[in-house]
């Protein structure tokens, strides 16, 4: 499969993106995830807690948002991954 060029990427946006974040369940993780969004200029959206692991070690959060460009999607991805405790972003 070949990578899309910039023109092909531009045709895909705007689009609704669904992010699932799996992280260590720690005090303040929900706040930190939401602050990461505010830090890149996304206001009025927030992660919704989804499920905790059986042992309570991990928690998952969901976010659905309309993203206007591939660059913006990459910025969101980088901001989420930079939050301490994030283990996986889907």
PDB file of N, CA and C in Angstrom:
ATOM      1  N   UNK A   1       0.848  -1.170   0.000  1.00  0.00           N
ATOM      2  CA  UNK A   1       0.000   0.000   0.000  1.00  0.00           C
ATOM      3  C   UNK A   1       0.901   1.242   0.000  1.00  0.00           C
ATOM      4  N   UNK A   2       0.621   2.178  -0.848  1.00  0.00           N
ATOM      5  CA  UNK A   2       1.435   3.389  -0.926  1.00  0.00           C
ATOM      6  C   UNK A   2       0.884   4.478  -0.016  1.00  0.00           C
ATOM      7  N   UNK A   3       1.756   5.368   0.399  1.00  0.00           N
ATOM      8  CA  UNK A   3       1.343   6.500   1.231  1.00  0.00           C
ATOM      9  C   UNK A   3       0.591   7.516   0.368  1.00  0.00           C
ATOM     10  N   UNK A   4      -0.370   8.182   0.970  1.00  0.00           N
ATOM     11  CA  UNK A   4      -1.123   9.212   0.256  1.00  0.00           C
ATOM     12  C   UNK A   4      -0.275  10.468   0.126  1.00  0.00           C
ATOM     13  N   UNK A   5      -0.426  11.159  -1.006  1.00  0.00           N
ATOM     14  CA  UNK A   5       0.270  12.440  -1.148  1.00  0.00           C
ATOM     15  C   UNK A   5      -0.577  13.536  -0.499  1.00  0.00           C
ATOM     16  N   UNK A   6      -0.027  14.739  -0.415  1.00  0.00           N
ATOM     17  CA  UNK A   6      -0.697  15.827   0.293  1.00  0.00           C
ATOM     18  C   UNK A   6      -2.064  16.159  -0.312  1.00  0.00           C
ATOM     19  N   UNK A   7      -2.181  16.161  -1.620  1.00  0.00           N
ATOM     20  CA  UNK A   7      -3.477  16.444  -2.249  1.00  0.00           C
ATOM     21  C   UNK A   7      -4.521  15.395  -1.871  1.00  0.00           C
ATOM     22  N   UNK A   8      -4.115  14.138  -1.846  1.00  0.00           N
ATOM     23  CA  UNK A   8      -5.036  13.063  -1.465  1.00  0.00           C
ATOM     24  C   UNK A   8      -5.437  13.191   0.004  1.00  0.00           C
ATOM     25  N   UNK A   9      -4.478  13.542   0.855  1.00  0.00           N
ATOM     26  CA  UNK A   9      -4.785  13.759   2.274  1.00  0.00           C
ATOM     27  C   UNK A   9      -5.757  14.904   2.456  1.00  0.00           C
ATOM     28  N   UNK A  10      -5.534  15.999   1.734  1.00  0.00           N
ATOM     29  CA  UNK A  10      -6.401  17.171   1.851  1.00  0.00           C
ATOM     30  C   UNK A  10      -7.849  16.850   1.484  1.00  0.00           C
ATOM     31  N   UNK A  11      -8.056  15.916   0.568  1.00  0.00           N
ATOM     32  CA  UNK A  11      -9.408  15.547   0.141  1.00  0.00           C
ATOM     33  C   UNK A  11     -10.162  14.762   1.215  1.00  0.00           C
ATOM     34  N   UNK A  12      -9.448  14.206   2.175  1.00  0.00           N
ATOM     35  CA  UNK A  12     -10.079  13.416   3.233  1.00  0.00           C
ATOM     36  C   UNK A  12     -10.648  14.270   4.355  1.00  0.00           C
ATOM     37  N   UNK A  13     -10.264  15.516   4.382  1.00  0.00           N
ATOM     38  CA  UNK A  13     -10.653  16.413   5.480  1.00  0.00           C
ATOM     39  C   UNK A  13     -11.535  17.528   4.964  1.00  0.00           C
ATOM     40  N   UNK A  14     -12.399  18.066   5.832  1.00  0.00           N
ATOM     41  CA  UNK A  14     -12.622  17.719   7.235  1.00  0.00           C
ATOM     42  C   UNK A  14     -13.315  16.367   7.354  1.00  0.00           C
ATOM     43  N   UNK A  15     -13.050  15.723   8.476  1.00  0.00           N
ATOM     44  CA  UNK A  15     -13.657  14.428   8.757  1.00  0.00           C
ATOM     45  C   UNK A  15     -13.811  14.233  10.258  1.00  0.00           C
ATOM     46  N   UNK A  16     -14.746  13.403  10.641  1.00  0.00           N
ATOM     47  CA  UNK A  16     -14.902  13.098  12.056  1.00  0.00           C
ATOM     48  C   UNK A  16     -13.904  12.010  12.425  1.00  0.00           C
ATOM     49  N   UNK A  17     -13.098  12.280  13.434  1.00  0.00           N
ATOM     50  CA  UNK A  17     -12.100  11.324  13.913  1.00  0.00           C
ATOM     51  C   UNK A  17     -12.523  10.825  15.286  1.00  0.00           C
ATOM     52  N   UNK A  18     -12.266   9.565  15.506  1.00  0.00           N
ATOM     53  CA  UNK A  18     -12.583   8.938  16.786  1.00  0.00           C
ATOM     54  C   UNK A  18     -11.271   8.463  17.394  1.00  0.00           C
ATOM     55  N   UNK A  19     -10.952   8.998  18.554  1.00  0.00           N
ATOM     56  CA  UNK A  19      -9.733   8.635  19.255  1.00  0.00           C
ATOM     57  C   UNK A  19     -10.099   7.798  20.476  1.00  0.00           C
ATOM     58  N   UNK A  20      -9.354   6.740  20.701  1.00  0.00           N
ATOM     59  CA  UNK A  20      -9.461   5.959  21.933  1.00  0.00           C
ATOM     60  C   UNK A  20      -8.070   5.982  22.562  1.00  0.00           C
ATOM     61  N   UNK A  21      -8.030   6.377  23.835  1.00  0.00           N
ATOM     62  CA  UNK A  21      -6.770   6.489  24.553  1.00  0.00           C
ATOM     63  C   UNK A  21      -6.797   5.516  25.720  1.00  0.00           C
ATOM     64  N   UNK A  22      -5.768   4.711  25.812  1.00  0.00           N
ATOM     65  CA  UNK A  22      -5.620   3.792  26.941  1.00  0.00           C
ATOM     66  C   UNK A  22      -4.433   4.279  27.754  1.00  0.00           C
ATOM     67  N   UNK A  23      -4.669   4.495  29.046  1.00  0.00           N
ATOM     68  CA  UNK A  23      -3.611   5.035  29.895  1.00  0.00           C
ATOM     69  C   UNK A  23      -3.656   4.418  31.288  1.00  0.00           C
ATOM     70  N   UNK A  24      -2.567   4.647  32.002  1.00  0.00           N
ATOM     71  CA  UNK A  24      -2.535   4.226  33.392  1.00  0.00           C
ATOM     72  C   UNK A  24      -3.579   5.038  34.146  1.00  0.00           C
ATOM     73  N   UNK A  25      -4.315   4.365  34.999  1.00  0.00           N
ATOM     74  CA  UNK A  25      -5.332   5.043  35.793  1.00  0.00           C
ATOM     75  C   UNK A  25      -4.634   5.713  36.973  1.00  0.00           C
ATOM     76  N   UNK A  26      -4.496   7.015  36.896  1.00  0.00           N
ATOM     77  CA  UNK A  26      -3.839   7.782  37.951  1.00  0.00           C
ATOM     78  C   UNK A  26      -4.630   9.044  38.207  1.00  0.00           C
ATOM     79  N   UNK A  27      -4.444   9.606  39.390  1.00  0.00           N
ATOM     80  CA  UNK A  27      -5.114  10.866  39.713  1.00  0.00           C
ATOM     81  C   UNK A  27      -4.718  11.928  38.691  1.00  0.00           C
ATOM     82  N   UNK A  28      -5.694  12.611  38.150  1.00  0.00           N
ATOM     83  CA  UNK A  28      -5.449  13.720  37.240  1.00  0.00           C
ATOM     84  C   UNK A  28      -5.304  13.361  35.777  1.00  0.00           C
ATOM     85  N   UNK A  29      -5.375  12.085  35.412  1.00  0.00           N
ATOM     86  CA  UNK A  29      -5.184  11.717  34.006  1.00  0.00           C
ATOM     87  C   UNK A  29      -6.267  12.320  33.124  1.00  0.00           C
ATOM     88  N   UNK A  30      -7.509  12.313  33.567  1.00  0.00           N
ATOM     89  CA  UNK A  30      -8.605  12.875  32.767  1.00  0.00           C
ATOM     90  C   UNK A  30      -8.376  14.374  32.555  1.00  0.00           C
ATOM     91  N   UNK A  31      -8.028  15.079  33.623  1.00  0.00           N
ATOM     92  CA  UNK A  31      -7.749  16.509  33.530  1.00  0.00           C
ATOM     93  C   UNK A  31      -6.579  16.763  32.574  1.00  0.00           C
ATOM     94  N   UNK A  32      -5.506  15.978  32.694  1.00  0.00           N
ATOM     95  CA  UNK A  32      -4.328  16.175  31.854  1.00  0.00           C
ATOM     96  C   UNK A  32      -4.639  15.953  30.379  1.00  0.00           C
ATOM     97  N   UNK A  33      -5.454  14.960  30.073  1.00  0.00           N
ATOM     98  CA  UNK A  33      -5.839  14.731  28.679  1.00  0.00           C
ATOM     99  C   UNK A  33      -6.620  15.923  28.129  1.00  0.00           C
ATOM    100  N   UNK A  34      -7.575  16.408  28.919  1.00  0.00           N
ATOM    101  CA  UNK A  34      -8.366  17.553  28.464  1.00  0.00           C
ATOM    102  C   UNK A  34      -7.515  18.815  28.349  1.00  0.00           C
ATOM    103  N   UNK A  35      -6.564  19.002  29.262  1.00  0.00           N
ATOM    104  CA  UNK A  35      -5.668  20.157  29.173  1.00  0.00           C
ATOM    105  C   UNK A  35      -4.769  20.083  27.950  1.00  0.00           C
ATOM    106  N   UNK A  36      -4.418  18.872  27.522  1.00  0.00           N
ATOM    107  CA  UNK A  36      -3.622  18.715  26.303  1.00  0.00           C
ATOM    108  C   UNK A  36      -4.385  19.240  25.100  1.00  0.00           C
ATOM    109  N   UNK A  37      -5.699  19.017  25.081  1.00  0.00           N
ATOM    110  CA  UNK A  37      -6.523  19.536  23.981  1.00  0.00           C
ATOM    111  C   UNK A  37      -6.582  21.060  24.021  1.00  0.00           C
ATOM    112  N   UNK A  38      -6.793  21.600  25.210  1.00  0.00           N
ATOM    113  CA  UNK A  38      -6.838  23.058  25.361  1.00  0.00           C
ATOM    114  C   UNK A  38      -5.491  23.664  24.944  1.00  0.00           C
ATOM    115  N   UNK A  39      -4.406  22.959  25.269  1.00  0.00           N
ATOM    116  CA  UNK A  39      -3.071  23.445  24.938  1.00  0.00           C
ATOM    117  C   UNK A  39      -2.820  23.602  23.448  1.00  0.00           C
ATOM    118  N   UNK A  40      -3.572  22.879  22.631  1.00  0.00           N
ATOM    119  CA  UNK A  40      -3.423  23.037  21.176  1.00  0.00           C
ATOM    120  C   UNK A  40      -4.616  23.777  20.567  1.00  0.00           C
ATOM    121  N   UNK A  41      -5.377  24.448  21.432  1.00  0.00           N
ATOM    122  CA  UNK A  41      -6.445  25.315  20.955  1.00  0.00           C
ATOM    123  C   UNK A  41      -7.799  24.662  20.771  1.00  0.00           C
ATOM    124  N   UNK A  42      -7.988  23.455  21.264  1.00  0.00           N
ATOM    125  CA  UNK A  42      -9.292  22.795  21.155  1.00  0.00           C
ATOM    126  C   UNK A  42     -10.070  23.037  22.436  1.00  0.00           C
ATOM    127  N   UNK A  43     -11.078  23.856  22.334  1.00  0.00           N
ATOM    128  CA  UNK A  43     -11.919  24.126  23.492  1.00  0.00           C
ATOM    129  C   UNK A  43     -13.321  23.622  23.200  1.00  0.00           C
ATOM    130  N   UNK A  44     -14.052  23.347  24.244  1.00  0.00           N
ATOM    131  CA  UNK A  44     -15.426  22.883  24.069  1.00  0.00           C
ATOM    132  C   UNK A  44     -15.539  21.412  23.752  1.00  0.00           C
ATOM    133  N   UNK A  45     -14.429  20.674  23.809  1.00  0.00           N
ATOM    134  CA  UNK A  45     -14.455  19.224  23.639  1.00  0.00           C
ATOM    135  C   UNK A  45     -13.757  18.602  24.834  1.00  0.00           C
ATOM    136  N   UNK A  46     -14.112  17.380  25.141  1.00  0.00           N
ATOM    137  CA  UNK A  46     -13.494  16.710  26.285  1.00  0.00           C
ATOM    138  C   UNK A  46     -13.528  15.206  26.084  1.00  0.00           C
ATOM    139  N   UNK A  47     -12.542  14.556  26.655  1.00  0.00           N
ATOM    140  CA  UNK A  47     -12.515  13.100  26.655  1.00  0.00           C
ATOM    141  C   UNK A  47     -13.610  12.570  27.565  1.00  0.00           C
ATOM    142  N   UNK A  48     -14.208  11.483  27.161  1.00  0.00           N
ATOM    143  CA  UNK A  48     -15.219  10.805  27.966  1.00  0.00           C
ATOM    144  C   UNK A  48     -14.602   9.514  28.494  1.00  0.00           C
ATOM    145  N   UNK A  49     -14.665   9.314  29.812  1.00  0.00           N
ATOM    146  CA  UNK A  49     -14.164   8.074  30.388  1.00  0.00           C
ATOM    147  C   UNK A  49     -14.993   6.919  29.854  1.00  0.00           C
ATOM    148  N   UNK A  50     -14.325   5.830  29.559  1.00  0.00           N
ATOM    149  CA  UNK A  50     -15.016   4.692  28.976  1.00  0.00           C
ATOM    150  C   UNK A  50     -14.995   3.519  29.948  1.00  0.00           C
ATOM    151  N   UNK A  51     -13.898   2.794  30.025  1.00  0.00           N
ATOM    152  CA  UNK A  51     -13.843   1.619  30.889  1.00  0.00           C
ATOM    153  C   UNK A  51     -12.520   1.554  31.649  1.00  0.00           C
ATOM    154  N   UNK A  52     -12.561   0.868  32.777  1.00  0.00           N
ATOM    155  CA  UNK A  52     -11.358   0.578  33.564  1.00  0.00           C
ATOM    156  C   UNK A  52     -11.025  -0.896  33.377  1.00  0.00           C
ATOM    157  N   UNK A  53      -9.739  -1.209  33.442  1.00  0.00           N
ATOM    158  CA  UNK A  53      -9.327  -2.614  33.377  1.00  0.00           C
ATOM    159  C   UNK A  53      -9.801  -3.346  34.631  1.00  0.00           C
ATOM    160  N   UNK A  54      -9.863  -4.621  34.559  1.00  0.00           N
ATOM    161  CA  UNK A  54     -10.349  -5.438  35.668  1.00  0.00           C
ATOM    162  C   UNK A  54      -9.574  -5.168  36.953  1.00  0.00           C
ATOM    163  N   UNK A  55      -8.280  -5.022  36.849  1.00  0.00           N
ATOM    164  CA  UNK A  55      -7.446  -4.788  38.029  1.00  0.00           C
ATOM    165  C   UNK A  55      -7.338  -3.309  38.376  1.00  0.00           C
ATOM    166  N   UNK A  56      -7.925  -2.437  37.561  1.00  0.00           N
ATOM    167  CA  UNK A  56      -7.903  -1.009  37.839  1.00  0.00           C
ATOM    168  C   UNK A  56      -6.611  -0.312  37.485  1.00  0.00           C
ATOM    169  N   UNK A  57      -5.758  -0.971  36.729  1.00  0.00           N
ATOM    170  CA  UNK A  57      -4.474  -0.397  36.349  1.00  0.00           C
ATOM    171  C   UNK A  57      -4.618   0.602  35.208  1.00  0.00           C
ATOM    172  N   UNK A  58      -5.519   0.312  34.283  1.00  0.00           N
ATOM    173  CA  UNK A  58      -5.682   1.133  33.083  1.00  0.00           C
ATOM    174  C   UNK A  58      -7.108   1.640  32.969  1.00  0.00           C
ATOM    175  N   UNK A  59      -7.234   2.749  32.268  1.00  0.00           N
ATOM    176  CA  UNK A  59      -8.538   3.325  31.967  1.00  0.00           C
ATOM    177  C   UNK A  59      -8.509   3.781  30.513  1.00  0.00           C
ATOM    178  N   UNK A  60      -9.633   3.700  29.849  1.00  0.00           N
ATOM    179  CA  UNK A  60      -9.696   4.174  28.467  1.00  0.00           C
ATOM    180  C   UNK A  60     -10.639   5.371  28.383  1.00  0.00           C
ATOM    181  N   UNK A  61     -10.325   6.234  27.436  1.00  0.00           N
ATOM    182  CA  UNK A  61     -11.116   7.437  27.174  1.00  0.00           C
ATOM    183  C   UNK A  61     -11.403   7.510  25.690  1.00  0.00           C
ATOM    184  N   UNK A  62     -12.550   8.088  25.354  1.00  0.00           N
ATOM    185  CA  UNK A  62     -12.948   8.271  23.958  1.00  0.00           C
ATOM    186  C   UNK A  62     -13.106   9.753  23.658  1.00  0.00           C
ATOM    187  N   UNK A  63     -12.797  10.098  22.418  1.00  0.00           N
ATOM    188  CA  UNK A  63     -12.998  11.459  21.927  1.00  0.00           C
ATOM    189  C   UNK A  63     -13.396  11.371  20.470  1.00  0.00           C
ATOM    190  N   UNK A  64     -14.492  12.006  20.109  1.00  0.00           N
ATOM    191  CA  UNK A  64     -14.912  12.131  18.707  1.00  0.00           C
ATOM    192  C   UNK A  64     -14.973  13.606  18.389  1.00  0.00           C
ATOM    193  N   UNK A  65     -14.322  13.978  17.307  1.00  0.00           N
ATOM    194  CA  UNK A  65     -14.219  15.392  16.963  1.00  0.00           C
ATOM    195  C   UNK A  65     -14.035  15.533  15.454  1.00  0.00           C
ATOM    196  N   UNK A  66     -14.587  16.597  14.895  1.00  0.00           N
ATOM    197  CA  UNK A  66     -14.359  16.892  13.486  1.00  0.00           C
ATOM    198  C   UNK A  66     -12.999  17.586  13.376  1.00  0.00           C
ATOM    199  N   UNK A  67     -12.142  16.999  12.558  1.00  0.00           N
ATOM    200  CA  UNK A  67     -10.782  17.514  12.367  1.00  0.00           C
ATOM    201  C   UNK A  67     -10.695  18.080  10.962  1.00  0.00           C
ATOM    202  N   UNK A  68     -10.156  19.308  10.863  1.00  0.00           N
ATOM    203  CA  UNK A  68     -10.176  20.017   9.582  1.00  0.00           C
ATOM    204  C   UNK A  68      -9.019  19.708   8.648  1.00  0.00           C
ATOM    205  N   UNK A  69      -7.929  19.108   9.161  1.00  0.00           N
ATOM    206  CA  UNK A  69      -6.800  18.821   8.282  1.00  0.00           C
ATOM    207  C   UNK A  69      -5.946  17.696   8.854  1.00  0.00           C
ATOM    208  N   UNK A  70      -5.132  17.112   7.984  1.00  0.00           N
ATOM    209  CA  UNK A  70      -4.216  16.061   8.403  1.00  0.00           C
ATOM    210  C   UNK A  70      -3.208  16.611   9.417  1.00  0.00           C
ATOM    211  N   UNK A  71      -2.741  17.838   9.210  1.00  0.00           N
ATOM    212  CA  UNK A  71      -1.800  18.450  10.137  1.00  0.00           C
ATOM    213  C   UNK A  71      -2.422  18.606  11.520  1.00  0.00           C
ATOM    214  N   UNK A  72      -3.693  18.975  11.564  1.00  0.00           N
ATOM    215  CA  UNK A  72      -4.379  19.135  12.846  1.00  0.00           C
ATOM    216  C   UNK A  72      -4.532  17.779  13.538  1.00  0.00           C
ATOM    217  N   UNK A  73      -4.822  16.745  12.760  1.00  0.00           N
ATOM    218  CA  UNK A  73      -4.932  15.407  13.322  1.00  0.00           C
ATOM    219  C   UNK A  73      -3.594  14.972  13.918  1.00  0.00           C
ATOM    220  N   UNK A  74      -2.502  15.276  13.243  1.00  0.00           N
ATOM    221  CA  UNK A  74      -1.180  14.942  13.764  1.00  0.00           C
ATOM    222  C   UNK A  74      -0.872  15.720  15.040  1.00  0.00           C
ATOM    223  N   UNK A  75      -1.302  16.974  15.120  1.00  0.00           N
ATOM    224  CA  UNK A  75      -1.081  17.781  16.326  1.00  0.00           C
ATOM    225  C   UNK A  75      -1.865  17.209  17.502  1.00  0.00           C
ATOM    226  N   UNK A  76      -3.088  16.777  17.250  1.00  0.00           N
ATOM    227  CA  UNK A  76      -3.906  16.164  18.301  1.00  0.00           C
ATOM    228  C   UNK A  76      -3.228  14.876  18.775  1.00  0.00           C
ATOM    229  N   UNK A  77      -2.799  14.062  17.839  1.00  0.00           N
ATOM    230  CA  UNK A  77      -2.122  12.813  18.148  1.00  0.00           C
ATOM    231  C   UNK A  77      -0.892  13.065  19.025  1.00  0.00           C
ATOM    232  N   UNK A  78      -0.056  14.013  18.636  1.00  0.00           N
ATOM    233  CA  UNK A  78       1.171  14.308  19.386  1.00  0.00           C
ATOM    234  C   UNK A  78       0.861  14.831  20.789  1.00  0.00           C
ATOM    235  N   UNK A  79      -0.151  15.679  20.906  1.00  0.00           N
ATOM    236  CA  UNK A  79      -0.508  16.239  22.212  1.00  0.00           C
ATOM    237  C   UNK A  79      -1.002  15.155  23.157  1.00  0.00           C
ATOM    238  N   UNK A  80      -1.797  14.241  22.649  1.00  0.00           N
ATOM    239  CA  UNK A  80      -2.323  13.152  23.487  1.00  0.00           C
ATOM    240  C   UNK A  80      -1.189  12.225  23.917  1.00  0.00           C
ATOM    241  N   UNK A  81      -0.338  11.847  22.969  1.00  0.00           N
ATOM    242  CA  UNK A  81       0.758  10.931  23.285  1.00  0.00           C
ATOM    243  C   UNK A  81       1.740  11.525  24.291  1.00  0.00           C
ATOM    244  N   UNK A  82       1.812  12.845  24.379  1.00  0.00           N
ATOM    245  CA  UNK A  82       2.748  13.507  25.292  1.00  0.00           C
ATOM    246  C   UNK A  82       2.270  13.496  26.742  1.00  0.00           C
ATOM    247  N   UNK A  83       1.017  13.146  26.970  1.00  0.00           N
ATOM    248  CA  UNK A  83       0.475  13.129  28.335  1.00  0.00           C
ATOM    249  C   UNK A  83       1.067  11.939  29.099  1.00  0.00           C
ATOM    250  N   UNK A  84       1.574  12.216  30.290  1.00  0.00           N
ATOM    251  CA  UNK A  84       2.158  11.181  31.117  1.00  0.00           C
ATOM    252  C   UNK A  84       1.121  10.099  31.439  1.00  0.00           C
ATOM    253  N   UNK A  85       1.489   8.858  31.192  1.00  0.00           N
ATOM    254  CA  UNK A  85       0.607   7.742  31.479  1.00  0.00           C
ATOM    255  C   UNK A  85      -0.102   7.175  30.267  1.00  0.00           C
ATOM    256  N   UNK A  86      -0.087   7.888  29.152  1.00  0.00           N
ATOM    257  CA  UNK A  86      -0.722   7.366  27.935  1.00  0.00           C
ATOM    258  C   UNK A  86       0.101   6.174  27.435  1.00  0.00           C
ATOM    259  N   UNK A  87      -0.568   5.061  27.264  1.00  0.00           N
ATOM    260  CA  UNK A  87       0.100   3.838  26.805  1.00  0.00           C
ATOM    261  C   UNK A  87      -0.210   3.530  25.342  1.00  0.00           C
ATOM    262  N   UNK A  88      -1.415   3.878  24.901  1.00  0.00           N
ATOM    263  CA  UNK A  88      -1.806   3.560  23.538  1.00  0.00           C
ATOM    264  C   UNK A  88      -2.849   4.555  23.056  1.00  0.00           C
ATOM    265  N   UNK A  89      -2.725   4.937  21.797  1.00  0.00           N
ATOM    266  CA  UNK A  89      -3.709   5.817  21.162  1.00  0.00           C
ATOM    267  C   UNK A  89      -4.154   5.147  19.888  1.00  0.00           C
ATOM    268  N   UNK A  90      -5.458   4.929  19.786  1.00  0.00           N
ATOM    269  CA  UNK A  90      -6.038   4.303  18.579  1.00  0.00           C
ATOM    270  C   UNK A  90      -6.924   5.302  17.886  1.00  0.00           C
TER     271      UNK A  90
END
